[in-house]
Amino acid sequence: MFMVSNLKFPAGKFGDTVKLRIPDVDRARRDPRNLLAAILEIQNEEFYQLGTKQGRLSQLYARNQFTICEEKFILLDDVSDLAISLRECVRKTSLSGGQGYQRCLC
């Protein structure tokens, strides 16, 4: 079972670009379902620190939470040092302003 898991979810390397699935509660309906990030750090060969152009994601991710891309879409120089949550990162990249709704006070 361990060998099948290693084949299905290969280990990432420093600087690899990964595709991270965004949960439905963290995104608006028109927002993309995935987020591109780069691997910044590997802790204990199990957990990965990911970073985007908007900042470094504050949560650590396991291998089964992302998919490794063959191409490098995000360079490590493009990653900001600001620590942000996944929801905040999605809100910054959103075309419609994020998951929340705007209400008129007329």
PDB file of N, CA and C in Angstrom:
ATOM      1  N   MET A   1       0.815  -1.185   0.000  1.00  0.00           N
ATOM      2  CA  MET A   1       0.000   0.000   0.000  1.00  0.00           C
ATOM      3  C   MET A   1       0.862   1.252   0.000  1.00  0.00           C
ATOM      4  N   PHE A   2       1.962   1.220   0.734  1.00  0.00           N
ATOM      5  CA  PHE A   2       2.886   2.348   0.779  1.00  0.00           C
ATOM      6  C   PHE A   2       3.537   2.581  -0.581  1.00  0.00           C
ATOM      7  N   MET A   3       3.888   1.508  -1.279  1.00  0.00           N
ATOM      8  CA  MET A   3       4.513   1.636  -2.606  1.00  0.00           C
ATOM      9  C   MET A   3       3.517   2.188  -3.620  1.00  0.00           C
ATOM     10  N   VAL A   4       2.267   1.798  -3.557  1.00  0.00           N
ATOM     11  CA  VAL A   4       1.243   2.310  -4.469  1.00  0.00           C
ATOM     12  C   VAL A   4       1.036   3.802  -4.226  1.00  0.00           C
ATOM     13  N   SER A   5       1.041   4.205  -2.957  1.00  0.00           N
ATOM     14  CA  SER A   5       0.897   5.613  -2.619  1.00  0.00           C
ATOM     15  C   SER A   5       2.072   6.427  -3.151  1.00  0.00           C
ATOM     16  N   ASN A   6       3.284   5.911  -3.060  1.00  0.00           N
ATOM     17  CA  ASN A   6       4.461   6.617  -3.584  1.00  0.00           C
ATOM     18  C   ASN A   6       4.425   6.741  -5.100  1.00  0.00           C
ATOM     19  N   LEU A   7       3.859   5.747  -5.783  1.00  0.00           N
ATOM     20  CA  LEU A   7       3.744   5.830  -7.240  1.00  0.00           C
ATOM     21  C   LEU A   7       2.654   6.817  -7.658  1.00  0.00           C
ATOM     22  N   LYS A   8       1.569   6.843  -6.913  1.00  0.00           N
ATOM     23  CA  LYS A   8       0.453   7.718  -7.249  1.00  0.00           C
ATOM     24  C   LYS A   8       0.757   9.178  -6.920  1.00  0.00           C
ATOM     25  N   PHE A   9       1.451   9.426  -5.827  1.00  0.00           N
ATOM     26  CA  PHE A   9       1.801  10.778  -5.393  1.00  0.00           C
ATOM     27  C   PHE A   9       3.322  10.887  -5.272  1.00  0.00           C
ATOM     28  N   PRO A  10       4.017  11.200  -6.385  1.00  0.00           N
ATOM     29  CA  PRO A  10       5.478  11.278  -6.322  1.00  0.00           C
ATOM     30  C   PRO A  10       5.938  12.462  -5.480  1.00  0.00           C
ATOM     31  N   ALA A  11       7.125  12.346  -4.944  1.00  0.00           N
ATOM     32  CA  ALA A  11       7.687  13.407  -4.112  1.00  0.00           C
ATOM     33  C   ALA A  11       8.064  14.603  -4.986  1.00  0.00           C
ATOM     34  N   GLY A  12       7.810  15.792  -4.480  1.00  0.00           N
ATOM     35  CA  GLY A  12       8.171  17.009  -5.192  1.00  0.00           C
ATOM     36  C   GLY A  12       9.583  17.448  -4.837  1.00  0.00           C
ATOM     37  N   LYS A  13      10.143  18.282  -5.688  1.00  0.00           N
ATOM     38  CA  LYS A  13      11.479  18.819  -5.460  1.00  0.00           C
ATOM     39  C   LYS A  13      11.393  20.326  -5.261  1.00  0.00           C
ATOM     40  N   PHE A  14      12.395  20.891  -4.636  1.00  0.00           N
ATOM     41  CA  PHE A  14      12.471  22.327  -4.403  1.00  0.00           C
ATOM     42  C   PHE A  14      12.382  23.073  -5.737  1.00  0.00           C
ATOM     43  N   GLY A  15      11.447  23.998  -5.845  1.00  0.00           N
ATOM     44  CA  GLY A  15      11.290  24.797  -7.052  1.00  0.00           C
ATOM     45  C   GLY A  15      10.283  24.266  -8.044  1.00  0.00           C
ATOM     46  N   ASP A  16       9.737  23.076  -7.830  1.00  0.00           N
ATOM     47  CA  ASP A  16       8.720  22.529  -8.739  1.00  0.00           C
ATOM     48  C   ASP A  16       7.439  23.353  -8.668  1.00  0.00           C
ATOM     49  N   THR A  17       6.759  23.468  -9.797  1.00  0.00           N
ATOM     50  CA  THR A  17       5.444  24.100  -9.829  1.00  0.00           C
ATOM     51  C   THR A  17       4.396  23.032  -9.603  1.00  0.00           C
ATOM     52  N   VAL A  18       3.424  23.343  -8.734  1.00  0.00           N
ATOM     53  CA  VAL A  18       2.369  22.396  -8.414  1.00  0.00           C
ATOM     54  C   VAL A  18       1.004  23.044  -8.637  1.00  0.00           C
ATOM     55  N   LYS A  19       0.012  22.189  -8.868  1.00  0.00           N
ATOM     56  CA  LYS A  19      -1.380  22.624  -9.027  1.00  0.00           C
ATOM     57  C   LYS A  19      -2.120  22.231  -7.755  1.00  0.00           C
ATOM     58  N   LEU A  20      -2.632  23.227  -7.041  1.00  0.00           N
ATOM     59  CA  LEU A  20      -3.296  23.030  -5.764  1.00  0.00           C
ATOM     60  C   LEU A  20      -4.793  23.237  -5.939  1.00  0.00           C
ATOM     61  N   ARG A  21      -5.594  22.264  -5.532  1.00  0.00           N
ATOM     62  CA  ARG A  21      -7.046  22.373  -5.646  1.00  0.00           C
ATOM     63  C   ARG A  21      -7.576  23.312  -4.577  1.00  0.00           C
ATOM     64  N   ILE A  22      -8.464  24.232  -4.985  1.00  0.00           N
ATOM     65  CA  ILE A  22      -9.063  25.190  -4.060  1.00  0.00           C
ATOM     66  C   ILE A  22     -10.412  24.632  -3.599  1.00  0.00           C
ATOM     67  N   PRO A  23     -10.634  24.529  -2.294  1.00  0.00           N
ATOM     68  CA  PRO A  23     -11.941  24.059  -1.819  1.00  0.00           C
ATOM     69  C   PRO A  23     -13.068  24.997  -2.257  1.00  0.00           C
ATOM     70  N   ASP A  24     -14.256  24.451  -2.446  1.00  0.00           N
ATOM     71  CA  ASP A  24     -15.393  25.232  -2.922  1.00  0.00           C
ATOM     72  C   ASP A  24     -15.768  26.370  -1.968  1.00  0.00           C
ATOM     73  N   VAL A  25     -15.570  26.191  -0.681  1.00  0.00           N
ATOM     74  CA  VAL A  25     -15.941  27.234   0.271  1.00  0.00           C
ATOM     75  C   VAL A  25     -14.983  28.419   0.243  1.00  0.00           C
ATOM     76  N   ASP A  26     -13.807  28.259  -0.344  1.00  0.00           N
ATOM     77  CA  ASP A  26     -12.814  29.330  -0.380  1.00  0.00           C
ATOM     78  C   ASP A  26     -12.822  30.123  -1.676  1.00  0.00           C
ATOM     79  N   ARG A  27     -13.673  29.772  -2.615  1.00  0.00           N
ATOM     80  CA  ARG A  27     -13.661  30.469  -3.898  1.00  0.00           C
ATOM     81  C   ARG A  27     -15.078  30.821  -4.320  1.00  0.00           C
ATOM     82  N   ALA A  28     -15.167  31.832  -5.192  1.00  0.00           N
ATOM     83  CA  ALA A  28     -16.452  32.200  -5.763  1.00  0.00           C
ATOM     84  C   ALA A  28     -16.762  31.253  -6.921  1.00  0.00           C
ATOM     85  N   ARG A  29     -17.968  31.306  -7.425  1.00  0.00           N
ATOM     86  CA  ARG A  29     -18.356  30.380  -8.489  1.00  0.00           C
ATOM     87  C   ARG A  29     -17.562  30.592  -9.766  1.00  0.00           C
ATOM     88  N   ARG A  30     -17.218  31.829 -10.066  1.00  0.00           N
ATOM     89  CA  ARG A  30     -16.503  32.125 -11.316  1.00  0.00           C
ATOM     90  C   ARG A  30     -14.995  32.020 -11.183  1.00  0.00           C
ATOM     91  N   ASP A  31     -14.486  31.810  -9.995  1.00  0.00           N
ATOM     92  CA  ASP A  31     -13.043  31.718  -9.778  1.00  0.00           C
ATOM     93  C   ASP A  31     -12.505  30.382 -10.264  1.00  0.00           C
ATOM     94  N   PRO A  32     -11.213  30.332 -10.582  1.00  0.00           N
ATOM     95  CA  PRO A  32     -10.620  29.057 -11.002  1.00  0.00           C
ATOM     96  C   PRO A  32     -10.667  28.011  -9.883  1.00  0.00           C
ATOM     97  N   ARG A  33     -10.678  26.752 -10.275  1.00  0.00           N
ATOM     98  CA  ARG A  33     -10.744  25.661  -9.302  1.00  0.00           C
ATOM     99  C   ARG A  33      -9.378  25.282  -8.761  1.00  0.00           C
ATOM    100  N   ASN A  34      -8.309  25.727  -9.437  1.00  0.00           N
ATOM    101  CA  ASN A  34      -6.949  25.361  -9.039  1.00  0.00           C
ATOM    102  C   ASN A  34      -6.088  26.609  -8.926  1.00  0.00           C
ATOM    103  N   LEU A  35      -5.001  26.470  -8.175  1.00  0.00           N
ATOM    104  CA  LEU A  35      -4.050  27.552  -7.963  1.00  0.00           C
ATOM    105  C   LEU A  35      -2.658  27.001  -8.240  1.00  0.00           C
ATOM    106  N   LEU A  36      -1.855  27.754  -8.977  1.00  0.00           N
ATOM    107  CA  LEU A  36      -0.477  27.342  -9.230  1.00  0.00           C
ATOM    108  C   LEU A  36       0.422  27.882  -8.136  1.00  0.00           C
ATOM    109  N   ALA A  37       1.311  27.041  -7.647  1.00  0.00           N
ATOM    110  CA  ALA A  37       2.233  27.421  -6.581  1.00  0.00           C
ATOM    111  C   ALA A  37       3.577  26.741  -6.827  1.00  0.00           C
ATOM    112  N   ALA A  38       4.596  27.210  -6.140  1.00  0.00           N
ATOM    113  CA  ALA A  38       5.931  26.616  -6.225  1.00  0.00           C
ATOM    114  C   ALA A  38       6.299  26.023  -4.872  1.00  0.00           C
ATOM    115  N   ILE A  39       7.063  24.945  -4.891  1.00  0.00           N
ATOM    116  CA  ILE A  39       7.529  24.324  -3.648  1.00  0.00           C
ATOM    117  C   ILE A  39       8.705  25.132  -3.127  1.00  0.00           C
ATOM    118  N   LEU A  40       8.552  25.683  -1.920  1.00  0.00           N
ATOM    119  CA  LEU A  40       9.591  26.510  -1.321  1.00  0.00           C
ATOM    120  C   LEU A  40      10.443  25.746  -0.323  1.00  0.00           C
ATOM    121  N   GLU A  41       9.831  24.796   0.351  1.00  0.00           N
ATOM    122  CA  GLU A  41      10.536  24.090   1.410  1.00  0.00           C
ATOM    123  C   GLU A  41       9.887  22.721   1.619  1.00  0.00           C
ATOM    124  N   ILE A  42      10.706  21.731   1.979  1.00  0.00           N
ATOM    125  CA  ILE A  42      10.214  20.383   2.278  1.00  0.00           C
ATOM    126  C   ILE A  42      10.611  20.063   3.709  1.00  0.00           C
ATOM    127  N   GLN A  43       9.616  19.727   4.543  1.00  0.00           N
ATOM    128  CA  GLN A  43       9.877  19.439   5.944  1.00  0.00           C
ATOM    129  C   GLN A  43       9.606  17.967   6.221  1.00  0.00           C
ATOM    130  N   ASN A  44      10.598  17.275   6.750  1.00  0.00           N
ATOM    131  CA  ASN A  44      10.504  15.856   7.130  1.00  0.00           C
ATOM    132  C   ASN A  44      10.135  14.954   5.955  1.00  0.00           C
ATOM    133  N   GLU A  45      10.411  15.345   4.755  1.00  0.00           N
ATOM    134  CA  GLU A  45      10.099  14.605   3.532  1.00  0.00           C
ATOM    135  C   GLU A  45       8.619  14.266   3.416  1.00  0.00           C
ATOM    136  N   GLU A  46       7.756  14.963   4.138  1.00  0.00           N
ATOM    137  CA  GLU A  46       6.327  14.706   4.118  1.00  0.00           C
ATOM    138  C   GLU A  46       5.511  15.943   3.804  1.00  0.00           C
ATOM    139  N   PHE A  47       5.897  17.081   4.369  1.00  0.00           N
ATOM    140  CA  PHE A  47       5.102  18.289   4.269  1.00  0.00           C
ATOM    141  C   PHE A  47       5.829  19.342   3.434  1.00  0.00           C
ATOM    142  N   TYR A  48       5.048  20.083   2.652  1.00  0.00           N
ATOM    143  CA  TYR A  48       5.604  21.032   1.700  1.00  0.00           C
ATOM    144  C   TYR A  48       5.096  22.438   1.985  1.00  0.00           C
ATOM    145  N   GLN A  49       6.015  23.399   1.997  1.00  0.00           N
ATOM    146  CA  GLN A  49       5.667  24.818   2.090  1.00  0.00           C
ATOM    147  C   GLN A  49       5.551  25.329   0.663  1.00  0.00           C
ATOM    148  N   LEU A  50       4.379  25.892   0.314  1.00  0.00           N
ATOM    149  CA  LEU A  50       4.123  26.356  -1.044  1.00  0.00           C
ATOM    150  C   LEU A  50       4.049  27.872  -1.069  1.00  0.00           C
ATOM    151  N   GLY A  51       4.407  28.435  -2.214  1.00  0.00           N
ATOM    152  CA  GLY A  51       4.343  29.879  -2.373  1.00  0.00           C
ATOM    153  C   GLY A  51       3.791  30.253  -3.732  1.00  0.00           C
ATOM    154  N   THR A  52       3.065  31.370  -3.787  1.00  0.00           N
ATOM    155  CA  THR A  52       2.496  31.887  -5.027  1.00  0.00           C
ATOM    156  C   THR A  52       3.044  33.290  -5.267  1.00  0.00           C
ATOM    157  N   LYS A  53       2.598  33.917  -6.345  1.00  0.00           N
ATOM    158  CA  LYS A  53       3.022  35.286  -6.622  1.00  0.00           C
ATOM    159  C   LYS A  53       2.455  36.262  -5.598  1.00  0.00           C
ATOM    160  N   GLN A  54       1.348  35.888  -4.952  1.00  0.00           N
ATOM    161  CA  GLN A  54       0.735  36.750  -3.946  1.00  0.00           C
ATOM    162  C   GLN A  54       1.389  36.597  -2.571  1.00  0.00           C
ATOM    163  N   GLY A  55       2.056  35.483  -2.327  1.00  0.00           N
ATOM    164  CA  GLY A  55       2.718  35.275  -1.039  1.00  0.00           C
ATOM    165  C   GLY A  55       2.919  33.810  -0.714  1.00  0.00           C
ATOM    166  N   ARG A  56       3.540  33.592   0.417  1.00  0.00           N
ATOM    167  CA  ARG A  56       3.827  32.251   0.926  1.00  0.00           C
ATOM    168  C   ARG A  56       2.597  31.756   1.675  1.00  0.00           C
ATOM    169  N   LEU A  57       2.115  30.565   1.318  1.00  0.00           N
ATOM    170  CA  LEU A  57       0.931  30.011   1.979  1.00  0.00           C
ATOM    171  C   LEU A  57       1.296  29.572   3.395  1.00  0.00           C
ATOM    172  N   SER A  58       0.467  29.958   4.357  1.00  0.00           N
ATOM    173  CA  SER A  58       0.791  29.732   5.761  1.00  0.00           C
ATOM    174  C   SER A  58       0.632  28.281   6.195  1.00  0.00           C
ATOM    175  N   GLN A  59      -0.090  27.484   5.456  1.00  0.00           N
ATOM    176  CA  GLN A  59      -0.333  26.079   5.801  1.00  0.00           C
ATOM    177  C   GLN A  59       0.679  25.184   5.104  1.00  0.00           C
ATOM    178  N   LEU A  60       1.021  24.064   5.728  1.00  0.00           N
ATOM    179  CA  LEU A  60       1.849  23.049   5.085  1.00  0.00           C
ATOM    180  C   LEU A  60       0.938  22.048   4.385  1.00  0.00           C
ATOM    181  N   TYR A  61       1.400  21.488   3.263  1.00  0.00           N
ATOM    182  CA  TYR A  61       0.586  20.582   2.454  1.00  0.00           C
ATOM    183  C   TYR A  61       1.285  19.239   2.304  1.00  0.00           C
ATOM    184  N   ALA A  62       0.487  18.172   2.266  1.00  0.00           N
ATOM    185  CA  ALA A  62       0.989  16.820   2.040  1.00  0.00           C
ATOM    186  C   ALA A  62       0.992  16.531   0.539  1.00  0.00           C
ATOM    187  N   ARG A  63       1.638  15.438   0.141  1.00  0.00           N
ATOM    188  CA  ARG A  63       1.765  15.107  -1.285  1.00  0.00           C
ATOM    189  C   ARG A  63       0.442  14.833  -1.958  1.00  0.00           C
ATOM    190  N   ASN A  64      -0.548  14.366  -1.231  1.00  0.00           N
ATOM    191  CA  ASN A  64      -1.825  14.043  -1.865  1.00  0.00           C
ATOM    192  C   ASN A  64      -2.722  15.263  -2.054  1.00  0.00           C
ATOM    193  N   GLN A  65      -2.305  16.443  -1.631  1.00  0.00           N
ATOM    194  CA  GLN A  65      -3.114  17.645  -1.753  1.00  0.00           C
ATOM    195  C   GLN A  65      -2.795  18.465  -2.999  1.00  0.00           C
ATOM    196  N   PHE A  66      -1.778  18.091  -3.740  1.00  0.00           N
ATOM    197  CA  PHE A  66      -1.427  18.835  -4.946  1.00  0.00           C
ATOM    198  C   PHE A  66      -0.913  17.885  -6.019  1.00  0.00           C
ATOM    199  N   THR A  67      -0.840  18.401  -7.248  1.00  0.00           N
ATOM    200  CA  THR A  67      -0.327  17.648  -8.386  1.00  0.00           C
ATOM    201  C   THR A  67       0.888  18.386  -8.930  1.00  0.00           C
ATOM    202  N   ILE A  68       1.942  17.667  -9.211  1.00  0.00           N
ATOM    203  CA  ILE A  68       3.166  18.289  -9.717  1.00  0.00           C
ATOM    204  C   ILE A  68       3.039  18.522 -11.218  1.00  0.00           C
ATOM    205  N   CYS A  69       3.346  19.737 -11.649  1.00  0.00           N
ATOM    206  CA  CYS A  69       3.313  20.089 -13.075  1.00  0.00           C
ATOM    207  C   CYS A  69       4.659  19.751 -13.718  1.00  0.00           C
ATOM    208  N   GLU A  70       4.627  19.424 -14.993  1.00  0.00           N
ATOM    209  CA  GLU A  70       5.856  19.113 -15.709  1.00  0.00           C
ATOM    210  C   GLU A  70       6.654  20.371 -16.038  1.00  0.00           C
ATOM    211  N   GLU A  71       5.960  21.481 -16.302  1.00  0.00           N
ATOM    212  CA  GLU A  71       6.624  22.743 -16.622  1.00  0.00           C
ATOM    213  C   GLU A  71       6.734  23.594 -15.365  1.00  0.00           C
ATOM    214  N   LYS A  72       7.642  24.572 -15.409  1.00  0.00           N
ATOM    215  CA  LYS A  72       7.786  25.516 -14.299  1.00  0.00           C
ATOM    216  C   LYS A  72       7.098  26.816 -14.695  1.00  0.00           C
ATOM    217  N   PHE A  73       5.915  27.038 -14.129  1.00  0.00           N
ATOM    218  CA  PHE A  73       5.151  28.234 -14.430  1.00  0.00           C
ATOM    219  C   PHE A  73       5.492  29.370 -13.474  1.00  0.00           C
ATOM    220  N   ILE A  74       5.890  29.042 -12.253  1.00  0.00           N
ATOM    221  CA  ILE A  74       6.220  30.048 -11.252  1.00  0.00           C
ATOM    222  C   ILE A  74       7.679  29.872 -10.852  1.00  0.00           C
ATOM    223  N   LEU A  75       8.443  30.937 -11.007  1.00  0.00           N
ATOM    224  CA  LEU A  75       9.836  30.922 -10.589  1.00  0.00           C
ATOM    225  C   LEU A  75       9.931  31.319  -9.128  1.00  0.00           C
ATOM    226  N   LEU A  76      10.973  30.868  -8.453  1.00  0.00           N
ATOM    227  CA  LEU A  76      11.125  31.176  -7.038  1.00  0.00           C
ATOM    228  C   LEU A  76      11.341  32.667  -6.804  1.00  0.00           C
ATOM    229  N   ASP A  77      11.880  33.382  -7.792  1.00  0.00           N
ATOM    230  CA  ASP A  77      12.083  34.821  -7.656  1.00  0.00           C
ATOM    231  C   ASP A  77      10.759  35.579  -7.661  1.00  0.00           C
ATOM    232  N   ASP A  78       9.707  34.990  -8.247  1.00  0.00           N
ATOM    233  CA  ASP A  78       8.398  35.638  -8.329  1.00  0.00           C
ATOM    234  C   ASP A  78       7.582  35.508  -7.050  1.00  0.00           C
ATOM    235  N   VAL A  79       7.989  34.621  -6.138  1.00  0.00           N
ATOM    236  CA  VAL A  79       7.220  34.356  -4.926  1.00  0.00           C
ATOM    237  C   VAL A  79       7.491  35.452  -3.897  1.00  0.00           C
ATOM    238  N   SER A  80       6.412  36.022  -3.379  1.00  0.00           N
ATOM    239  CA  SER A  80       6.513  37.059  -2.351  1.00  0.00           C
ATOM    240  C   SER A  80       6.769  36.415  -0.991  1.00  0.00           C
ATOM    241  N   ASP A  81       7.415  37.142  -0.075  1.00  0.00           N
ATOM    242  CA  ASP A  81       7.710  36.620   1.263  1.00  0.00           C
ATOM    243  C   ASP A  81       6.562  36.807   2.241  1.00  0.00           C
ATOM    244  N   LEU A  82       5.503  37.466   1.833  1.00  0.00           N
ATOM    245  CA  LEU A  82       4.352  37.715   2.695  1.00  0.00           C
ATOM    246  C   LEU A  82       3.612  36.411   2.980  1.00  0.00           C
ATOM    247  N   ALA A  83       3.361  36.109   4.257  1.00  0.00           N
ATOM    248  CA  ALA A  83       2.635  34.887   4.633  1.00  0.00           C
ATOM    249  C   ALA A  83       1.138  35.173   4.602  1.00  0.00           C
ATOM    250  N   ILE A  84       0.395  34.414   3.782  1.00  0.00           N
ATOM    251  CA  ILE A  84      -1.052  34.595   3.661  1.00  0.00           C
ATOM    252  C   ILE A  84      -1.746  33.237   3.676  1.00  0.00           C
ATOM    253  N   SER A  85      -3.047  33.260   3.937  1.00  0.00           N
ATOM    254  CA  SER A  85      -3.830  32.030   3.918  1.00  0.00           C
ATOM    255  C   SER A  85      -4.240  31.705   2.481  1.00  0.00           C
ATOM    256  N   LEU A  86      -4.723  30.502   2.280  1.00  0.00           N
ATOM    257  CA  LEU A  86      -5.167  30.085   0.954  1.00  0.00           C
ATOM    258  C   LEU A  86      -6.349  30.929   0.499  1.00  0.00           C
ATOM    259  N   ARG A  87      -7.288  31.190   1.388  1.00  0.00           N
ATOM    260  CA  ARG A  87      -8.467  31.991   1.035  1.00  0.00           C
ATOM    261  C   ARG A  87      -8.070  33.407   0.634  1.00  0.00           C
ATOM    262  N   GLU A  88      -7.114  34.002   1.333  1.00  0.00           N
ATOM    263  CA  GLU A  88      -6.651  35.350   0.990  1.00  0.00           C
ATOM    264  C   GLU A  88      -5.944  35.350  -0.363  1.00  0.00           C
ATOM    265  N   CYS A  89      -5.178  34.323  -0.649  1.00  0.00           N
ATOM    266  CA  CYS A  89      -4.496  34.207  -1.942  1.00  0.00           C
ATOM    267  C   CYS A  89      -5.510  34.084  -3.072  1.00  0.00           C
ATOM    268  N   VAL A  90      -6.543  33.283  -2.866  1.00  0.00           N
ATOM    269  CA  VAL A  90      -7.587  33.121  -3.876  1.00  0.00           C
ATOM    270  C   VAL A  90      -8.342  34.427  -4.078  1.00  0.00           C
ATOM    271  N   ARG A  91      -8.594  35.155  -2.991  1.00  0.00           N
ATOM    272  CA  ARG A  91      -9.293  36.436  -3.097  1.00  0.00           C
ATOM    273  C   ARG A  91      -8.482  37.442  -3.900  1.00  0.00           C
ATOM    274  N   LYS A  92      -7.169  37.438  -3.741  1.00  0.00           N
ATOM    275  CA  LYS A  92      -6.316  38.369  -4.482  1.00  0.00           C
ATOM    276  C   LYS A  92      -6.253  38.037  -5.970  1.00  0.00           C
ATOM    277  N   THR A  93      -6.380  36.777  -6.324  1.00  0.00           N
ATOM    278  CA  THR A  93      -6.333  36.375  -7.735  1.00  0.00           C
ATOM    279  C   THR A  93      -7.707  36.343  -8.383  1.00  0.00           C
ATOM    280  N   SER A  94      -8.756  36.548  -7.594  1.00  0.00           N
ATOM    281  CA  SER A  94     -10.118  36.449  -8.092  1.00  0.00           C
ATOM    282  C   SER A  94     -10.466  37.581  -9.047  1.00  0.00           C
ATOM    283  N   LEU A  95     -11.264  37.272 -10.052  1.00  0.00           N
ATOM    284  CA  LEU A  95     -11.757  38.282 -10.983  1.00  0.00           C
ATOM    285  C   LEU A  95     -12.972  39.010 -10.433  1.00  0.00           C
ATOM    286  N   SER A  96     -13.681  38.368  -9.505  1.00  0.00           N
ATOM    287  CA  SER A  96     -14.922  38.945  -8.988  1.00  0.00           C
ATOM    288  C   SER A  96     -14.790  39.483  -7.569  1.00  0.00           C
ATOM    289  N   GLY A  97     -13.608  39.464  -6.991  1.00  0.00           N
ATOM    290  CA  GLY A  97     -13.424  40.031  -5.663  1.00  0.00           C
ATOM    291  C   GLY A  97     -13.434  39.025  -4.531  1.00  0.00           C
ATOM    292  N   GLY A  98     -13.527  37.757  -4.819  1.00  0.00           N
ATOM    293  CA  GLY A  98     -13.455  36.752  -3.775  1.00  0.00           C
ATOM    294  C   GLY A  98     -14.757  36.047  -3.508  1.00  0.00           C
ATOM    295  N   GLN A  99     -14.775  35.269  -2.437  1.00  0.00           N
ATOM    296  CA  GLN A  99     -15.884  34.399  -2.113  1.00  0.00           C
ATOM    297  C   GLN A  99     -17.070  35.165  -1.549  1.00  0.00           C
ATOM    298  N   GLY A 100     -16.826  36.267  -0.855  1.00  0.00           N
ATOM    299  CA  GLY A 100     -17.897  37.016  -0.206  1.00  0.00           C
ATOM    300  C   GLY A 100     -18.775  37.753  -1.207  1.00  0.00           C
ATOM    301  N   TYR A 101     -19.936  38.149  -0.748  1.00  0.00           N
ATOM    302  CA  TYR A 101     -20.882  38.862  -1.595  1.00  0.00           C
ATOM    303  C   TYR A 101     -20.856  40.351  -1.252  1.00  0.00           C
ATOM    304  N   GLN A 102     -21.019  41.204  -2.268  1.00  0.00           N
ATOM    305  CA  GLN A 102     -21.104  42.636  -2.066  1.00  0.00           C
ATOM    306  C   GLN A 102     -22.587  42.994  -1.940  1.00  0.00           C
ATOM    307  N   ARG A 103     -22.923  43.811  -0.952  1.00  0.00           N
ATOM    308  CA  ARG A 103     -24.309  44.224  -0.767  1.00  0.00           C
ATOM    309  C   ARG A 103     -24.395  45.729  -0.798  1.00  0.00           C
ATOM    310  N   CYS A 104     -25.456  46.212  -1.405  1.00  0.00           N
ATOM    311  CA  CYS A 104     -25.699  47.648  -1.501  1.00  0.00           C
ATOM    312  C   CYS A 104     -26.406  48.134  -0.251  1.00  0.00           C
ATOM    313  N   LEU A 105     -25.986  49.272   0.272  1.00  0.00           N
ATOM    314  CA  LEU A 105     -26.619  49.844   1.450  1.00  0.00           C
ATOM    315  C   LEU A 105     -27.553  50.989   1.085  1.00  0.00           C
ATOM    316  N   CYS A 106     -28.171  50.926  -0.124  1.00  0.00           N
ATOM    317  CA  CYS A 106     -29.055  52.009  -0.555  1.00  0.00           C
ATOM    318  C   CYS A 106     -30.362  51.993   0.182  1.00  0.00           C
TER     319      CYS A 106
END
